[in-house]
Amino acid sequence: MPKMFKSLAALLFVPMLLSPLALHAQGAPATEQSAEQQQRASEKEAARLEKARQKEERAAEKAAAKQAKADAKAVEEAEEAAEDAAEDAKDSGAATDATSVTAALPVIPAPDKAEPDNILYLDLSTGGRVSIQLYPEIAPNHVERIKTLTQQGFYDGVIFHRVIEGFMAQTGDPTGTGTGGSDLPDVAAEFNKFPHLRGSLSMARAQDPNSANSQFFIVFYPRFSLDNSYTNLGRVFAGMEYVDIIPRGEPPVAPARILQASLKTQNKPEPNYAAAAQPAERAISVDDLNAPISN
């Protein structure tokens, strides 16, 4: 009889030993399946990100092609305007030699061929340097004004006080109100037929055509309605992305500003944009030191 109990106890003990093994065997496939699911999820996310990147690249290429087409069209329209001017001069009996036709639309050198003194740098609080070629060929007096004020440090710290989406970003007023200017006399208009393209630098003015002083604006998109009404005196050739992200508003809630304006010939290094973005600490005054301590 005792042997029978021992045999029965042994039979009951065997399932207890096999239970953990069975549970482990059941859990193993679930673990492997979970790892496979994670891998598939990772591969799916990577594919999604790659697809998004390719989509952004295609959009950027499309935008660049569209902008190039718009610029080409603008140049073509400007050339047609010059031809029309030459034809009008011919009909009125005026001389139409090569010199007069060229005078209607002067030849502007490429930025790498321009005089270094005609390259303007604007280091913006939006994070980078904007390179602008000035055009003394079409607006010598306005270009000279910009260069004079730049060398005086006039534009350093000035905000973009009027920024209109789809139109332009305006600056050059030390008061930040749109009504200020420099102590120099106003500059007589030098309106020209050179087209206002994306990145064109043009002089701001009041109702009086001869009221330009220190304020200027950079257009976001071509604006041919400004031609021959505002003095076009240059164009951005690098760093337009820092103009594009200037906060909008009249005035903006948190306006961007020109950290430093300089000419290429001044050889000024770019500022520390990260440090400039930090708010300046207020100086501690004597009144602060004498103020009562409050809990």
Protein backbone atom coordinates (compact mmCIF):
# COMPACT_ATOMS: atom_id res chain seq x y z
CA MET A 1 0.00 0.00 0.00
CA PRO A 2 2.71 2.59 0.73
CA LYS A 3 4.29 1.83 -2.65
CA MET A 4 0.94 2.65 -4.26
CA PHE A 5 0.89 6.06 -2.55
CA LYS A 6 4.45 6.74 -3.64
CA SER A 7 3.56 5.93 -7.25
CA LEU A 8 0.49 8.14 -7.09
CA ALA A 9 2.53 11.03 -5.65
CA ALA A 10 5.08 10.65 -8.42
CA LEU A 11 2.36 10.87 -11.05
CA LEU A 12 0.99 14.04 -9.49
CA PHE A 13 4.45 15.62 -9.31
CA VAL A 14 5.28 15.15 -13.01
CA PRO A 15 2.68 17.69 -14.32
CA MET A 16 4.00 20.22 -11.82
CA LEU A 17 7.44 19.89 -13.35
CA LEU A 18 6.13 20.15 -16.91
CA SER A 19 3.91 23.19 -16.30
CA PRO A 20 6.71 25.83 -16.36
CA LEU A 21 8.12 24.26 -19.47
CA ALA A 22 4.77 24.41 -21.15
CA LEU A 23 4.26 28.03 -20.15
CA HIS A 24 7.71 28.95 -21.45
CA ALA A 25 6.96 27.19 -24.72
CA GLN A 26 3.72 29.13 -25.03
CA GLY A 27 5.41 32.49 -24.25
CA ALA A 28 8.32 32.11 -26.67
CA PRO A 29 6.30 32.50 -29.89
CA ALA A 30 4.57 35.60 -28.44
CA THR A 31 7.95 37.19 -27.70
CA GLU A 32 9.25 36.38 -31.17
CA GLN A 33 6.05 37.70 -32.70
CA SER A 34 6.36 40.95 -30.71
CA ALA A 35 9.93 41.45 -31.97
CA GLU A 36 8.80 40.87 -35.54
CA GLN A 37 5.98 43.38 -35.10
CA GLN A 38 8.39 45.99 -33.77
CA GLN A 39 10.74 45.41 -36.69
CA ARG A 40 7.90 45.74 -39.19
CA ALA A 41 6.72 48.91 -37.45
CA SER A 42 10.25 50.35 -37.60
CA GLU A 43 10.56 49.49 -41.28
CA LYS A 44 7.16 51.05 -41.96
CA GLU A 45 8.12 54.27 -40.12
CA ALA A 46 11.42 54.46 -42.01
CA ALA A 47 9.57 54.04 -45.30
CA ARG A 48 7.12 56.77 -44.30
CA LEU A 49 9.92 59.19 -43.42
CA GLU A 50 11.72 58.44 -46.68
CA LYS A 51 8.53 59.05 -48.62
CA ALA A 52 8.00 62.37 -46.81
CA ARG A 53 11.60 63.41 -47.54
CA GLN A 54 11.19 62.61 -51.23
CA LYS A 55 7.93 64.56 -51.28
CA GLU A 56 9.64 67.60 -49.73
CA GLU A 57 12.46 67.37 -52.27
CA ARG A 58 9.97 67.25 -55.15
CA ALA A 59 8.10 70.23 -53.70
CA ALA A 60 11.34 72.21 -53.33
CA GLU A 61 12.37 71.38 -56.91
CA LYS A 62 8.93 72.39 -58.15
CA ALA A 63 9.08 75.69 -56.24
CA ALA A 64 12.58 76.42 -57.57
CA ALA A 65 11.46 75.67 -61.14
CA LYS A 66 8.42 77.91 -60.69
CA GLN A 67 10.58 80.75 -59.34
CA ALA A 68 13.07 80.37 -62.19
CA LYS A 69 10.21 80.51 -64.67
CA ALA A 70 8.81 83.65 -63.02
CA ASP A 71 12.24 85.32 -63.08
CA ALA A 72 12.73 84.42 -66.73
CA LYS A 73 9.31 85.84 -67.55
CA ALA A 74 10.11 89.04 -65.67
CA VAL A 75 13.38 89.50 -67.55
CA GLU A 76 11.58 88.82 -70.83
CA GLU A 77 8.96 91.45 -69.99
CA ALA A 78 11.71 93.92 -69.09
CA GLU A 79 13.43 93.28 -72.42
CA GLU A 80 10.13 93.77 -74.23
CA ALA A 81 9.64 97.04 -72.35
CA ALA A 82 13.10 98.18 -73.47
CA GLU A 83 12.26 97.25 -77.08
CA ASP A 84 8.98 99.15 -76.84
CA ALA A 85 10.83 102.18 -75.48
CA ALA A 86 13.29 102.00 -78.36
CA GLU A 87 10.43 101.70 -80.85
CA ASP A 88 8.67 104.70 -79.31
CA ALA A 89 11.87 106.70 -79.56
CA LYS A 90 12.19 105.72 -83.21
CA ASP A 91 8.62 106.77 -83.96
CA SER A 92 9.20 110.16 -82.33
CA GLY A 93 12.34 110.72 -84.40
CA ALA A 94 14.81 110.27 -81.52
CA ALA A 95 18.15 108.52 -81.99
CA THR A 96 17.97 104.75 -81.58
CA ASP A 97 21.57 103.67 -81.67
CA ALA A 98 22.90 100.87 -79.45
CA THR A 99 23.79 103.32 -76.69
CA SER A 100 20.24 104.64 -76.29
CA VAL A 101 18.77 101.14 -76.20
CA THR A 102 21.28 100.04 -73.56
CA ALA A 103 20.45 103.11 -71.49
CA ALA A 104 16.81 101.96 -71.30
CA LEU A 105 17.87 98.84 -69.41
CA PRO A 106 21.51 98.93 -68.22
CA VAL A 107 23.55 95.76 -68.13
CA ILE A 108 24.04 94.58 -64.54
CA PRO A 109 27.13 92.44 -63.84
CA ALA A 110 26.77 89.06 -62.15
CA PRO A 111 27.34 89.15 -58.36
CA ASP A 112 30.75 87.49 -58.67
CA LYS A 113 31.78 90.19 -61.16
CA ALA A 114 30.44 93.13 -59.16
CA GLU A 115 32.70 95.57 -57.32
CA PRO A 116 33.16 94.44 -53.68
CA ASP A 117 32.04 97.90 -52.53
CA ASN A 118 28.66 97.20 -54.15
CA ILE A 119 28.00 94.05 -52.11
CA LEU A 120 25.86 94.70 -49.02
CA TYR A 121 25.62 92.21 -46.15
CA LEU A 122 22.67 92.18 -43.75
CA ASP A 123 23.18 89.87 -40.76
CA LEU A 124 19.67 89.20 -39.51
CA SER A 125 18.34 88.02 -36.17
CA THR A 126 16.52 85.28 -38.09
CA GLY A 127 19.82 83.42 -38.12
CA GLY A 128 22.03 84.24 -41.08
CA ARG A 129 23.66 86.61 -43.56
CA VAL A 130 21.77 88.08 -46.51
CA SER A 131 24.00 89.06 -49.44
CA ILE A 132 22.75 91.84 -51.70
CA GLN A 133 24.22 93.24 -54.90
CA LEU A 134 23.69 96.99 -55.18
CA TYR A 135 23.02 98.51 -58.62
CA PRO A 136 24.76 101.89 -59.04
CA GLU A 137 24.20 101.42 -62.79
CA ILE A 138 20.50 102.28 -62.36
CA ALA A 139 20.32 104.16 -59.03
CA PRO A 140 23.72 105.69 -58.18
CA ASN A 141 22.47 108.21 -55.61
CA HIS A 142 20.34 105.73 -53.69
CA VAL A 143 23.15 103.18 -53.66
CA GLU A 144 25.51 105.82 -52.33
CA ARG A 145 23.01 106.64 -49.55
CA ILE A 146 22.72 102.99 -48.48
CA LYS A 147 26.50 102.62 -48.48
CA THR A 148 27.03 105.82 -46.48
CA LEU A 149 24.52 104.83 -43.79
CA THR A 150 25.91 101.30 -43.66
CA GLN A 151 29.43 102.55 -43.05
CA GLN A 152 28.09 104.77 -40.25
CA GLY A 153 26.51 101.75 -38.55
CA PHE A 154 23.08 103.37 -38.96
CA TYR A 155 21.24 100.13 -39.71
CA ASP A 156 22.72 98.05 -36.89
CA GLY A 157 19.94 96.97 -34.52
CA VAL A 158 17.11 98.39 -36.65
CA ILE A 159 13.95 96.25 -36.82
CA PHE A 160 11.77 95.19 -39.74
CA HIS A 161 8.76 97.28 -38.74
CA ARG A 162 6.45 96.53 -41.69
CA VAL A 163 6.29 93.00 -43.11
CA ILE A 164 3.41 92.01 -45.39
CA GLU A 165 2.86 88.37 -46.36
CA GLY A 166 3.30 87.82 -50.10
CA PHE A 167 4.65 91.34 -50.59
CA MET A 168 7.72 92.66 -48.79
CA ALA A 169 9.74 93.26 -45.59
CA GLN A 170 10.55 96.91 -44.78
CA THR A 171 13.26 98.29 -42.48
CA GLY A 172 15.64 101.23 -42.15
CA ASP A 173 13.74 103.33 -39.59
CA PRO A 174 15.69 103.70 -36.30
CA THR A 175 12.45 104.62 -34.48
CA GLY A 176 10.73 101.42 -35.63
CA THR A 177 7.54 103.36 -36.41
CA GLY A 178 7.86 103.79 -40.17
CA THR A 179 8.05 107.57 -39.89
CA GLY A 180 11.74 108.00 -39.06
CA GLY A 181 14.87 108.36 -41.12
CA SER A 182 18.42 109.66 -41.06
CA ASP A 183 19.65 113.23 -40.59
CA LEU A 184 20.74 113.33 -44.24
CA PRO A 185 18.57 115.08 -46.84
CA ASP A 186 16.08 113.06 -48.87
CA VAL A 187 17.19 111.55 -52.17
CA ALA A 188 15.58 112.48 -55.48
CA ALA A 189 13.77 109.64 -57.25
CA GLU A 190 15.73 107.41 -59.60
CA PHE A 191 12.81 105.37 -60.93
CA ASN A 192 13.78 102.81 -63.54
CA LYS A 193 12.34 100.01 -65.64
CA PHE A 194 14.43 97.32 -63.97
CA PRO A 195 11.86 94.73 -62.78
CA HIS A 196 11.06 94.13 -59.12
CA LEU A 197 11.79 90.40 -58.83
CA ARG A 198 11.91 88.11 -55.81
CA GLY A 199 14.64 89.50 -53.55
CA SER A 200 14.73 92.96 -55.15
CA LEU A 201 15.90 95.75 -52.85
CA SER A 202 13.89 98.93 -53.32
CA MET A 203 13.76 102.28 -51.55
CA ALA A 204 10.72 103.15 -49.46
CA ARG A 205 9.25 106.65 -49.67
CA ALA A 206 6.23 108.77 -48.74
CA GLN A 207 3.73 110.19 -51.24
CA ASP A 208 6.39 112.56 -52.53
CA PRO A 209 8.46 110.66 -55.13
CA ASN A 210 11.57 112.48 -53.90
CA SER A 211 11.15 111.59 -50.21
CA ALA A 212 13.36 108.48 -49.97
CA ASN A 213 15.85 108.74 -47.12
CA SER A 214 16.98 105.60 -45.26
CA GLN A 215 14.14 103.06 -45.35
CA PHE A 216 14.16 100.21 -47.84
CA PHE A 217 12.30 96.97 -48.45
CA ILE A 218 12.95 93.51 -49.90
CA VAL A 219 10.14 91.92 -51.95
CA PHE A 220 9.15 88.29 -51.38
CA TYR A 221 7.71 87.79 -54.90
CA PRO A 222 7.87 89.66 -58.22
CA ARG A 223 5.94 92.95 -58.09
CA PHE A 224 6.05 94.62 -61.51
CA SER A 225 3.52 97.24 -60.41
CA LEU A 226 6.38 98.85 -58.45
CA ASP A 227 8.54 99.31 -61.56
CA ASN A 228 9.16 102.95 -62.45
CA SER A 229 7.32 104.00 -59.28
CA TYR A 230 9.85 102.99 -56.60
CA THR A 231 13.63 103.10 -56.95
CA ASN A 232 14.93 99.57 -57.48
CA LEU A 233 18.57 99.58 -56.39
CA GLY A 234 19.69 95.97 -55.84
CA ARG A 235 18.80 92.34 -55.32
CA VAL A 236 19.46 89.50 -52.87
CA PHE A 237 21.68 86.80 -54.38
CA ALA A 238 22.25 84.67 -51.26
CA GLY A 239 20.52 84.16 -47.91
CA MET A 240 16.96 84.89 -49.07
CA GLU A 241 15.79 82.10 -46.75
CA TYR A 242 16.56 84.42 -43.80
CA VAL A 243 14.32 87.10 -45.32
CA ASP A 244 11.50 84.62 -45.92
CA ILE A 245 11.17 83.85 -42.20
CA ILE A 246 11.04 87.46 -40.98
CA PRO A 247 7.94 87.71 -38.71
CA ARG A 248 4.94 89.34 -40.40
CA GLY A 249 3.01 92.31 -39.06
CA GLU A 250 2.67 96.10 -39.13
CA PRO A 251 4.52 96.04 -36.80
CA PRO A 252 5.22 92.39 -35.96
CA VAL A 253 4.67 91.27 -32.38
CA ALA A 254 8.26 90.04 -32.17
CA PRO A 255 10.08 91.83 -35.02
CA ALA A 256 13.29 90.62 -36.61
CA ARG A 257 16.16 93.08 -36.77
CA ILE A 258 19.38 93.79 -38.59
CA LEU A 259 22.11 92.75 -36.18
CA GLN A 260 24.80 94.18 -38.45
CA ALA A 261 24.94 95.80 -41.88
CA SER A 262 28.24 95.99 -43.70
CA LEU A 263 29.85 96.25 -47.11
CA LYS A 264 32.03 93.45 -48.40
CA THR A 265 35.04 95.77 -48.37
CA GLN A 266 34.66 96.24 -44.59
CA ASN A 267 35.43 92.53 -44.02
CA LYS A 268 33.22 92.31 -40.93
CA PRO A 269 32.70 88.78 -39.55
CA GLU A 270 29.19 87.50 -38.95
CA PRO A 271 27.85 87.99 -35.42
CA ASN A 272 26.98 85.25 -32.94
CA TYR A 273 23.36 84.71 -33.98
CA ALA A 274 22.56 82.40 -31.05
CA ALA A 275 23.80 84.93 -28.49
CA ALA A 276 21.96 87.76 -30.23
CA ALA A 277 18.72 85.81 -30.02
CA GLN A 278 18.90 85.77 -26.21
CA PRO A 279 17.18 88.68 -24.43
CA ALA A 280 19.61 91.15 -22.93
CA GLU A 281 19.88 91.17 -19.15
CA ARG A 282 18.74 94.37 -17.47
CA ALA A 283 21.49 96.22 -15.65
CA ILE A 284 21.15 96.34 -11.86
CA SER A 285 20.57 99.90 -10.66
CA VAL A 286 21.21 101.60 -7.30
CA ASP A 287 17.45 101.61 -6.71
CA ASP A 288 17.40 97.82 -7.09
CA LEU A 289 20.10 97.47 -4.45
CA ASN A 290 18.28 99.80 -2.03
CA ALA A 291 14.86 98.26 -2.58
CA PRO A 292 13.29 96.55 0.49
CA ILE A 293 13.45 92.77 0.62
CA SER A 294 10.00 91.21 0.33
CA ASN A 295 9.02 87.66 1.16
